[in-house]
Amino acid sequence: MAFGLIIIGDEILSGKRADKHFSRSVEQLAARGLQLGWAHYVGDDPALITATLARTLGTEDIVFSFGGIGATPDDHTRQCAAAALAVPLVLHPEAKLKIEERIADTAREAGIAPNYDAADNLHRLKMGEFPKGAQIIPNPYNKIPGFSVLNAGGIGAHHFVPGFPVMAGPMVEWVLDTHYAHLFHRNAWIEQAVMVYGSMESTLTPLMEAVEAEFGMIKVFSLPSVGDAGNRRHIELGVKGDPQQVPVAFARLTAGLDALGVGYVPQS
């Protein structure tokens, strides 16, 4: 089981809007002792969205999908989720009530009585049409809910939220805190690293492989940089993983660097 993201929208892929979901989701997961396993970006292509969801719904992963759940012609996510699950779209009764609450709020702000039978308000109800069997995700910003569905095998789930970060962020937090609190901080991990100067990754690779082979509950990471005006070319080299193994593995790594005569500076 892994946490995954699907970020949908032509505006992201064209650069008209900068994606804010990825970085915020990483922060939200990390604050709860969780890590992101993967992320996909998909344009507003119904066939591609359906194929992507059909594949990810066949896993045991916990997936957050951002965008495309409105009721305009370029919103396809609700329909694609239903197609991928081979179930019909149905108007969710709780979603209907929440949307009607929003209609009433908007009318009250305008100083008029709500007309639930007006064409535009009837169209708004389409935003409450979710795959049969879905559960709603509350939206504290404007009450228009998102929805959750179980994966095809019944293990893992997909959670669909709007593309607006101001709405999506609180909704993702609600899902995590409501459904996955039992997973928080279950797998403690730490990392330690040094900045290596005057060496190449190819030179360090045998040492990295030896450390990983010796310590099964850690990973060695290597992040090279070409440098800039404030810092010369370097490699951030370290180990991350099990809190008991990391200090020992890190000592083994730095001893290996000493044996190679490589210069390095510990990272705080």
C-alpha atoms as a PDB file:
ATOM      1  CA  MET A   1       0.000   0.000   0.000  1.00  0.00           C
ATOM      2  CA  ALA A   2       1.340   3.427  -0.998  1.00  0.00           C
ATOM      3  CA  PHE A   3       0.008   6.967  -1.118  1.00  0.00           C
ATOM      4  CA  GLY A   4      -0.356   8.317  -4.644  1.00  0.00           C
ATOM      5  CA  LEU A   5      -1.500  11.501  -6.365  1.00  0.00           C
ATOM      6  CA  ILE A   6      -3.304  12.032  -9.658  1.00  0.00           C
ATOM      7  CA  ILE A   7      -3.293  15.697 -10.677  1.00  0.00           C
ATOM      8  CA  ILE A   8      -5.659  16.418 -13.553  1.00  0.00           C
ATOM      9  CA  GLY A   9      -5.941  19.413 -15.842  1.00  0.00           C
ATOM     10  CA  ASP A  10      -4.695  20.834 -19.138  1.00  0.00           C
ATOM     11  CA  GLU A  11      -3.946  24.108 -17.333  1.00  0.00           C
ATOM     12  CA  ILE A  12      -1.266  22.353 -15.266  1.00  0.00           C
ATOM     13  CA  LEU A  13       0.376  20.664 -18.236  1.00  0.00           C
ATOM     14  CA  SER A  14       0.316  23.854 -20.335  1.00  0.00           C
ATOM     15  CA  GLY A  15       1.842  25.925 -17.550  1.00  0.00           C
ATOM     16  CA  LYS A  16      -1.139  28.307 -17.306  1.00  0.00           C
ATOM     17  CA  ARG A  17      -1.357  27.352 -13.633  1.00  0.00           C
ATOM     18  CA  ALA A  18       1.418  26.154 -11.363  1.00  0.00           C
ATOM     19  CA  ASP A  19       0.674  22.939  -9.517  1.00  0.00           C
ATOM     20  CA  LYS A  20       0.408  23.439  -5.755  1.00  0.00           C
ATOM     21  CA  HIS A  21      -1.081  20.052  -4.899  1.00  0.00           C
ATOM     22  CA  PHE A  22       2.144  18.051  -5.004  1.00  0.00           C
ATOM     23  CA  SER A  23       4.149  20.099  -2.507  1.00  0.00           C
ATOM     24  CA  ARG A  24       1.223  20.568  -0.138  1.00  0.00           C
ATOM     25  CA  SER A  25       0.367  16.862  -0.181  1.00  0.00           C
ATOM     26  CA  VAL A  26       3.972  15.945   0.596  1.00  0.00           C
ATOM     27  CA  GLU A  27       3.872  18.321   3.574  1.00  0.00           C
ATOM     28  CA  GLN A  28       0.520  17.001   4.793  1.00  0.00           C
ATOM     29  CA  LEU A  29       1.713  13.409   4.622  1.00  0.00           C
ATOM     30  CA  ALA A  30       5.075  14.149   6.243  1.00  0.00           C
ATOM     31  CA  ALA A  31       3.376  15.917   9.160  1.00  0.00           C
ATOM     32  CA  ARG A  32       1.645  12.610   9.882  1.00  0.00           C
ATOM     33  CA  GLY A  33       4.671  10.392   9.483  1.00  0.00           C
ATOM     34  CA  LEU A  34       3.640   9.292   5.985  1.00  0.00           C
ATOM     35  CA  GLN A  35       5.390   9.441   2.608  1.00  0.00           C
ATOM     36  CA  LEU A  36       4.237   9.879  -0.966  1.00  0.00           C
ATOM     37  CA  GLY A  37       4.858   6.837  -3.147  1.00  0.00           C
ATOM     38  CA  TRP A  38       4.070   8.211  -6.611  1.00  0.00           C
ATOM     39  CA  ALA A  39       2.357  10.986  -8.586  1.00  0.00           C
ATOM     40  CA  HIS A  40       0.854  11.247 -12.082  1.00  0.00           C
ATOM     41  CA  TYR A  41      -0.125  14.311 -14.098  1.00  0.00           C
ATOM     42  CA  VAL A  42      -2.954  13.851 -16.605  1.00  0.00           C
ATOM     43  CA  GLY A  43      -4.581  16.259 -19.044  1.00  0.00           C
ATOM     44  CA  ASP A  44      -8.311  16.693 -19.604  1.00  0.00           C
ATOM     45  CA  ASP A  45      -8.498  13.614 -21.837  1.00  0.00           C
ATOM     46  CA  PRO A  46     -11.387  11.304 -20.802  1.00  0.00           C
ATOM     47  CA  ALA A  47      -9.821   8.190 -22.327  1.00  0.00           C
ATOM     48  CA  LEU A  48      -6.501   8.808 -20.594  1.00  0.00           C
ATOM     49  CA  ILE A  49      -8.134   9.678 -17.260  1.00  0.00           C
ATOM     50  CA  THR A  50     -10.271   6.532 -17.407  1.00  0.00           C
ATOM     51  CA  ALA A  51      -7.283   4.344 -18.280  1.00  0.00           C
ATOM     52  CA  THR A  52      -5.210   5.869 -15.486  1.00  0.00           C
ATOM     53  CA  LEU A  53      -7.971   5.347 -12.927  1.00  0.00           C
ATOM     54  CA  ALA A  54      -8.681   1.811 -14.132  1.00  0.00           C
ATOM     55  CA  ARG A  55      -5.040   0.956 -13.470  1.00  0.00           C
ATOM     56  CA  THR A  56      -4.705   2.681 -10.097  1.00  0.00           C
ATOM     57  CA  LEU A  57      -8.084   1.427  -8.885  1.00  0.00           C
ATOM     58  CA  GLY A  58      -6.695  -2.064  -9.395  1.00  0.00           C
ATOM     59  CA  THR A  59      -4.017  -1.476  -6.753  1.00  0.00           C
ATOM     60  CA  GLU A  60      -4.125  -1.386  -2.953  1.00  0.00           C
ATOM     61  CA  ASP A  61      -2.920   2.213  -2.897  1.00  0.00           C
ATOM     62  CA  ILE A  62      -4.494   5.216  -1.205  1.00  0.00           C
ATOM     63  CA  VAL A  63      -4.874   7.804  -3.956  1.00  0.00           C
ATOM     64  CA  PHE A  64      -5.842  11.475  -3.972  1.00  0.00           C
ATOM     65  CA  SER A  65      -7.137  12.803  -7.287  1.00  0.00           C
ATOM     66  CA  PHE A  66      -7.214  16.561  -7.837  1.00  0.00           C
ATOM     67  CA  GLY A  67      -9.372  18.367 -10.380  1.00  0.00           C
ATOM     68  CA  GLY A  68     -12.065  17.718 -12.943  1.00  0.00           C
ATOM     69  CA  ILE A  69     -14.988  17.028 -10.582  1.00  0.00           C
ATOM     70  CA  GLY A  70     -17.036  20.096 -11.571  1.00  0.00           C
ATOM     71  CA  ALA A  71     -19.854  20.189 -14.110  1.00  0.00           C
ATOM     72  CA  THR A  72     -18.349  22.118 -17.026  1.00  0.00           C
ATOM     73  CA  PRO A  73     -17.570  20.487 -20.395  1.00  0.00           C
ATOM     74  CA  ASP A  74     -13.869  20.077 -19.524  1.00  0.00           C
ATOM     75  CA  ASP A  75     -14.611  18.279 -16.225  1.00  0.00           C
ATOM     76  CA  HIS A  76     -14.460  14.529 -16.787  1.00  0.00           C
ATOM     77  CA  THR A  77     -13.179  12.969 -13.557  1.00  0.00           C
ATOM     78  CA  ARG A  78     -16.525  11.901 -12.066  1.00  0.00           C
ATOM     79  CA  GLN A  79     -17.601  10.216 -15.288  1.00  0.00           C
ATOM     80  CA  CYS A  80     -14.193   8.596 -15.787  1.00  0.00           C
ATOM     81  CA  ALA A  81     -14.141   7.217 -12.241  1.00  0.00           C
ATOM     82  CA  ALA A  82     -17.557   5.647 -12.810  1.00  0.00           C
ATOM     83  CA  ALA A  83     -16.415   4.177 -16.126  1.00  0.00           C
ATOM     84  CA  ALA A  84     -13.240   2.775 -14.560  1.00  0.00           C
ATOM     85  CA  LEU A  85     -15.330   1.127 -11.820  1.00  0.00           C
ATOM     86  CA  ALA A  86     -18.007  -0.018 -14.307  1.00  0.00           C
ATOM     87  CA  VAL A  87     -20.781   1.557 -12.203  1.00  0.00           C
ATOM     88  CA  PRO A  88     -23.301   4.312 -13.036  1.00  0.00           C
ATOM     89  CA  LEU A  89     -23.171   7.912 -11.900  1.00  0.00           C
ATOM     90  CA  VAL A  90     -25.928   8.648  -9.376  1.00  0.00           C
ATOM     91  CA  LEU A  91     -26.911  11.778  -7.484  1.00  0.00           C
ATOM     92  CA  HIS A  92     -25.637  11.260  -3.955  1.00  0.00           C
ATOM     93  CA  PRO A  93     -28.366  12.275  -1.467  1.00  0.00           C
ATOM     94  CA  GLU A  94     -25.948  13.949   0.973  1.00  0.00           C
ATOM     95  CA  ALA A  95     -24.231  15.758  -1.865  1.00  0.00           C
ATOM     96  CA  LYS A  96     -27.626  16.997  -3.084  1.00  0.00           C
ATOM     97  CA  LEU A  97     -28.377  18.472   0.342  1.00  0.00           C
ATOM     98  CA  LYS A  98     -24.967  20.158   0.549  1.00  0.00           C
ATOM     99  CA  ILE A  99     -25.309  21.659  -2.933  1.00  0.00           C
ATOM    100  CA  GLU A 100     -28.787  22.921  -2.095  1.00  0.00           C
ATOM    101  CA  GLU A 101     -27.360  24.483   1.073  1.00  0.00           C
ATOM    102  CA  ARG A 102     -24.838  26.276  -1.123  1.00  0.00           C
ATOM    103  CA  ILE A 103     -27.607  27.437  -3.474  1.00  0.00           C
ATOM    104  CA  ALA A 104     -29.523  28.815  -0.474  1.00  0.00           C
ATOM    105  CA  ASP A 105     -26.413  30.550   0.877  1.00  0.00           C
ATOM    106  CA  THR A 106     -25.747  32.195  -2.499  1.00  0.00           C
ATOM    107  CA  ALA A 107     -29.363  33.372  -2.796  1.00  0.00           C
ATOM    108  CA  ARG A 108     -29.294  34.749   0.759  1.00  0.00           C
ATOM    109  CA  GLU A 109     -26.128  36.707   0.001  1.00  0.00           C
ATOM    110  CA  ALA A 110     -27.866  38.180  -3.031  1.00  0.00           C
ATOM    111  CA  GLY A 111     -30.978  39.039  -1.015  1.00  0.00           C
ATOM    112  CA  ILE A 112     -33.297  36.764  -2.993  1.00  0.00           C
ATOM    113  CA  ALA A 113     -35.191  33.543  -2.368  1.00  0.00           C
ATOM    114  CA  PRO A 114     -33.508  30.377  -3.659  1.00  0.00           C
ATOM    115  CA  ASN A 115     -35.052  28.838  -6.774  1.00  0.00           C
ATOM    116  CA  TYR A 116     -33.964  25.210  -6.690  1.00  0.00           C
ATOM    117  CA  ASP A 117     -35.732  24.481  -9.989  1.00  0.00           C
ATOM    118  CA  ALA A 118     -33.848  27.126 -11.951  1.00  0.00           C
ATOM    119  CA  ALA A 119     -31.867  25.646 -14.833  1.00  0.00           C
ATOM    120  CA  ASP A 120     -28.507  26.736 -13.481  1.00  0.00           C
ATOM    121  CA  ASN A 121     -29.260  25.293 -10.042  1.00  0.00           C
ATOM    122  CA  LEU A 122     -30.433  21.994 -11.508  1.00  0.00           C
ATOM    123  CA  HIS A 123     -27.164  21.914 -13.432  1.00  0.00           C
ATOM    124  CA  ARG A 124     -25.220  22.461 -10.198  1.00  0.00           C
ATOM    125  CA  LEU A 125     -26.670  19.202  -8.880  1.00  0.00           C
ATOM    126  CA  LYS A 126     -24.553  17.369 -11.446  1.00  0.00           C
ATOM    127  CA  MET A 127     -21.582  18.128  -9.190  1.00  0.00           C
ATOM    128  CA  GLY A 128     -23.185  15.694  -6.736  1.00  0.00           C
ATOM    129  CA  GLU A 129     -23.391  12.842  -9.250  1.00  0.00           C
ATOM    130  CA  PHE A 130     -20.764  10.335  -8.131  1.00  0.00           C
ATOM    131  CA  PRO A 131     -20.024   6.681  -8.932  1.00  0.00           C
ATOM    132  CA  LYS A 132     -22.592   4.467  -7.256  1.00  0.00           C
ATOM    133  CA  GLY A 133     -21.449   3.519  -3.757  1.00  0.00           C
ATOM    134  CA  ALA A 134     -19.280   6.611  -3.238  1.00  0.00           C
ATOM    135  CA  GLN A 135     -19.019   8.489   0.038  1.00  0.00           C
ATOM    136  CA  ILE A 136     -18.776  12.268   0.223  1.00  0.00           C
ATOM    137  CA  ILE A 137     -15.802  14.360   1.338  1.00  0.00           C
ATOM    138  CA  PRO A 138     -16.933  17.569   3.095  1.00  0.00           C
ATOM    139  CA  ASN A 139     -15.838  20.854   1.555  1.00  0.00           C
ATOM    140  CA  PRO A 140     -15.520  23.558   4.250  1.00  0.00           C
ATOM    141  CA  TYR A 141     -14.926  26.277   1.671  1.00  0.00           C
ATOM    142  CA  ASN A 142     -18.181  26.243  -0.309  1.00  0.00           C
ATOM    143  CA  LYS A 143     -19.951  23.005   0.767  1.00  0.00           C
ATOM    144  CA  ILE A 144     -19.694  21.383  -2.712  1.00  0.00           C
ATOM    145  CA  PRO A 145     -18.374  17.929  -1.714  1.00  0.00           C
ATOM    146  CA  GLY A 146     -15.792  15.640  -3.186  1.00  0.00           C
ATOM    147  CA  PHE A 147     -16.122  11.877  -3.058  1.00  0.00           C
ATOM    148  CA  SER A 148     -14.333   8.678  -2.109  1.00  0.00           C
ATOM    149  CA  VAL A 149     -14.562   5.194  -3.601  1.00  0.00           C
ATOM    150  CA  LEU A 150     -13.014   1.896  -2.592  1.00  0.00           C
ATOM    151  CA  ASN A 151     -10.510   0.353  -4.960  1.00  0.00           C
ATOM    152  CA  ALA A 152     -11.681  -2.585  -7.040  1.00  0.00           C
ATOM    153  CA  GLY A 153     -10.307  -5.167  -4.609  1.00  0.00           C
ATOM    154  CA  GLY A 154     -11.735  -3.416  -1.567  1.00  0.00           C
ATOM    155  CA  ILE A 155      -8.266  -2.603  -0.221  1.00  0.00           C
ATOM    156  CA  GLY A 156      -7.151   0.977  -0.603  1.00  0.00           C
ATOM    157  CA  ALA A 157      -9.287   3.849  -1.861  1.00  0.00           C
ATOM    158  CA  HIS A 158      -9.403   6.840  -4.171  1.00  0.00           C
ATOM    159  CA  HIS A 159     -10.376  10.266  -2.887  1.00  0.00           C
ATOM    160  CA  PHE A 160     -11.484  12.897  -5.403  1.00  0.00           C
ATOM    161  CA  VAL A 161     -11.232  16.596  -4.550  1.00  0.00           C
ATOM    162  CA  PRO A 162     -11.460  19.854  -6.538  1.00  0.00           C
ATOM    163  CA  GLY A 163      -8.556  21.380  -8.408  1.00  0.00           C
ATOM    164  CA  PHE A 164      -8.663  24.539  -6.285  1.00  0.00           C
ATOM    165  CA  PRO A 165      -5.940  24.266  -3.618  1.00  0.00           C
ATOM    166  CA  VAL A 166      -7.921  26.382  -1.152  1.00  0.00           C
ATOM    167  CA  MET A 167     -10.585  23.652  -1.173  1.00  0.00           C
ATOM    168  CA  ALA A 168      -8.448  20.587  -1.819  1.00  0.00           C
ATOM    169  CA  GLY A 169      -5.987  21.142   1.028  1.00  0.00           C
ATOM    170  CA  PRO A 170      -8.513  21.022   3.897  1.00  0.00           C
ATOM    171  CA  MET A 171     -10.394  18.173   2.223  1.00  0.00           C
ATOM    172  CA  VAL A 172      -7.232  16.042   1.975  1.00  0.00           C
ATOM    173  CA  GLU A 173      -6.492  16.752   5.640  1.00  0.00           C
ATOM    174  CA  TRP A 174     -10.006  15.669   6.579  1.00  0.00           C
ATOM    175  CA  VAL A 175      -9.606  12.402   4.678  1.00  0.00           C
ATOM    176  CA  LEU A 176      -6.238  11.667   6.296  1.00  0.00           C
ATOM    177  CA  ASP A 177      -7.382  12.487   9.831  1.00  0.00           C
ATOM    178  CA  THR A 178     -10.743  10.734   9.487  1.00  0.00           C
ATOM    179  CA  HIS A 179      -9.753   7.545   7.679  1.00  0.00           C
ATOM    180  CA  TYR A 180      -6.024   6.988   8.117  1.00  0.00           C
ATOM    181  CA  ALA A 181      -5.052   8.110  11.613  1.00  0.00           C
ATOM    182  CA  HIS A 182      -4.165   4.484  12.391  1.00  0.00           C
ATOM    183  CA  LEU A 183      -1.314   4.753   9.866  1.00  0.00           C
ATOM    184  CA  PHE A 184       0.247   7.896  11.303  1.00  0.00           C
ATOM    185  CA  HIS A 185       3.858   7.619  12.505  1.00  0.00           C
ATOM    186  CA  ARG A 186       3.849   3.831  12.244  1.00  0.00           C
ATOM    187  CA  ASN A 187       7.104   3.643  10.341  1.00  0.00           C
ATOM    188  CA  ALA A 188       9.585   5.948  12.023  1.00  0.00           C
ATOM    189  CA  TRP A 189      12.484   7.024   9.853  1.00  0.00           C
ATOM    190  CA  ILE A 190      15.336   9.485   9.975  1.00  0.00           C
ATOM    191  CA  GLU A 191      18.105  10.560   7.635  1.00  0.00           C
ATOM    192  CA  GLN A 192      21.690  11.732   7.921  1.00  0.00           C
ATOM    193  CA  ALA A 193      23.759  13.242   5.136  1.00  0.00           C
ATOM    194  CA  VAL A 194      27.016  14.926   4.191  1.00  0.00           C
ATOM    195  CA  MET A 195      27.978  17.302   1.406  1.00  0.00           C
ATOM    196  CA  VAL A 196      30.676  15.630  -0.672  1.00  0.00           C
ATOM    197  CA  TYR A 197      33.087  17.811  -2.653  1.00  0.00           C
ATOM    198  CA  GLY A 198      35.593  16.909  -5.319  1.00  0.00           C
ATOM    199  CA  SER A 199      34.178  13.498  -6.214  1.00  0.00           C
ATOM    200  CA  MET A 200      31.938  11.860  -8.831  1.00  0.00           C
ATOM    201  CA  GLU A 201      28.899   9.639  -8.233  1.00  0.00           C
ATOM    202  CA  SER A 202      30.555   6.855 -10.213  1.00  0.00           C
ATOM    203  CA  THR A 203      33.391   6.850  -7.683  1.00  0.00           C
ATOM    204  CA  LEU A 204      30.956   6.652  -4.774  1.00  0.00           C
ATOM    205  CA  THR A 205      28.585   4.061  -6.245  1.00  0.00           C
ATOM    206  CA  PRO A 206      30.433   0.928  -4.970  1.00  0.00           C
ATOM    207  CA  LEU A 207      30.393   2.366  -1.441  1.00  0.00           C
ATOM    208  CA  MET A 208      26.696   3.204  -1.709  1.00  0.00           C
ATOM    209  CA  GLU A 209      25.877  -0.310  -2.924  1.00  0.00           C
ATOM    210  CA  ALA A 210      27.931  -1.878  -0.120  1.00  0.00           C
ATOM    211  CA  VAL A 211      26.153   0.147   2.579  1.00  0.00           C
ATOM    212  CA  GLU A 212      22.700  -0.711   1.222  1.00  0.00           C
ATOM    213  CA  ALA A 213      23.618  -4.383   1.011  1.00  0.00           C
ATOM    214  CA  GLU A 214      24.873  -4.381   4.610  1.00  0.00           C
ATOM    215  CA  PHE A 215      21.879  -2.586   6.133  1.00  0.00           C
ATOM    216  CA  GLY A 216      18.554  -3.869   4.902  1.00  0.00           C
ATOM    217  CA  MET A 217      16.330  -1.241   6.540  1.00  0.00           C
ATOM    218  CA  ILE A 218      17.921   1.879   5.058  1.00  0.00           C
ATOM    219  CA  LYS A 219      18.316   3.498   1.662  1.00  0.00           C
ATOM    220  CA  VAL A 220      21.327   5.403   0.443  1.00  0.00           C
ATOM    221  CA  PHE A 221      20.554   8.594  -1.468  1.00  0.00           C
ATOM    222  CA  SER A 222      22.721  10.729  -3.704  1.00  0.00           C
ATOM    223  CA  LEU A 223      21.682  14.195  -4.894  1.00  0.00           C
ATOM    224  CA  PRO A 224      24.287  15.798  -7.181  1.00  0.00           C
ATOM    225  CA  SER A 225      24.393  19.525  -7.861  1.00  0.00           C
ATOM    226  CA  VAL A 226      26.293  21.364 -10.563  1.00  0.00           C
ATOM    227  CA  GLY A 227      26.772  24.218  -8.092  1.00  0.00           C
ATOM    228  CA  ASP A 228      26.056  27.921  -8.340  1.00  0.00           C
ATOM    229  CA  ALA A 229      27.538  31.252  -7.340  1.00  0.00           C
ATOM    230  CA  GLY A 230      27.074  30.435  -3.663  1.00  0.00           C
ATOM    231  CA  ASN A 231      28.332  26.859  -3.639  1.00  0.00           C
ATOM    232  CA  ARG A 232      30.642  24.769  -5.779  1.00  0.00           C
ATOM    233  CA  ARG A 233      29.784  21.443  -7.414  1.00  0.00           C
ATOM    234  CA  HIS A 234      28.843  18.871  -4.761  1.00  0.00           C
ATOM    235  CA  ILE A 235      26.865  15.735  -3.932  1.00  0.00           C
ATOM    236  CA  GLU A 236      24.466  15.443  -1.003  1.00  0.00           C
ATOM    237  CA  LEU A 237      25.113  11.863   0.102  1.00  0.00           C
ATOM    238  CA  GLY A 238      23.286  10.162   2.943  1.00  0.00           C
ATOM    239  CA  VAL A 239      21.228   7.352   4.378  1.00  0.00           C
ATOM    240  CA  LYS A 240      17.573   7.305   5.442  1.00  0.00           C
ATOM    241  CA  GLY A 241      15.295   4.749   7.025  1.00  0.00           C
ATOM    242  CA  ASP A 242      15.110   2.828  10.284  1.00  0.00           C
ATOM    243  CA  PRO A 243      16.207   5.029  13.238  1.00  0.00           C
ATOM    244  CA  GLN A 244      18.280   2.202  14.730  1.00  0.00           C
ATOM    245  CA  GLN A 245      20.145   1.364  11.541  1.00  0.00           C
ATOM    246  CA  VAL A 246      20.699   4.876  10.166  1.00  0.00           C
ATOM    247  CA  PRO A 247      23.419   5.990  12.642  1.00  0.00           C
ATOM    248  CA  VAL A 248      25.400   2.764  12.143  1.00  0.00           C
ATOM    249  CA  ALA A 249      24.969   2.859   8.374  1.00  0.00           C
ATOM    250  CA  PHE A 250      25.934   6.526   8.306  1.00  0.00           C
ATOM    251  CA  ALA A 251      29.107   5.773  10.261  1.00  0.00           C
ATOM    252  CA  ARG A 252      29.888   3.033   7.740  1.00  0.00           C
ATOM    253  CA  LEU A 253      29.288   5.516   4.889  1.00  0.00           C
ATOM    254  CA  THR A 254      31.549   8.218   6.294  1.00  0.00           C
ATOM    255  CA  ALA A 255      34.255   5.655   7.104  1.00  0.00           C
ATOM    256  CA  GLY A 256      34.114   4.634   3.457  1.00  0.00           C
ATOM    257  CA  LEU A 257      34.470   8.250   2.363  1.00  0.00           C
ATOM    258  CA  ASP A 258      37.486   8.622   4.658  1.00  0.00           C
ATOM    259  CA  ALA A 259      39.049   5.515   3.108  1.00  0.00           C
ATOM    260  CA  LEU A 260      38.543   7.020  -0.337  1.00  0.00           C
ATOM    261  CA  GLY A 261      40.123  10.292   0.767  1.00  0.00           C
ATOM    262  CA  VAL A 262      37.011  12.190  -0.237  1.00  0.00           C
ATOM    263  CA  GLY A 263      36.304  15.591   1.310  1.00  0.00           C
ATOM    264  CA  TYR A 264      32.913  16.114   2.903  1.00  0.00           C
ATOM    265  CA  VAL A 265      31.020  18.323   5.356  1.00  0.00           C
ATOM    266  CA  PRO A 266      28.293  16.884   7.679  1.00  0.00           C
ATOM    267  CA  GLN A 267      24.775  18.238   7.194  1.00  0.00           C
ATOM    268  CA  SER A 268      22.771  19.356  10.220  1.00  0.00           C
END
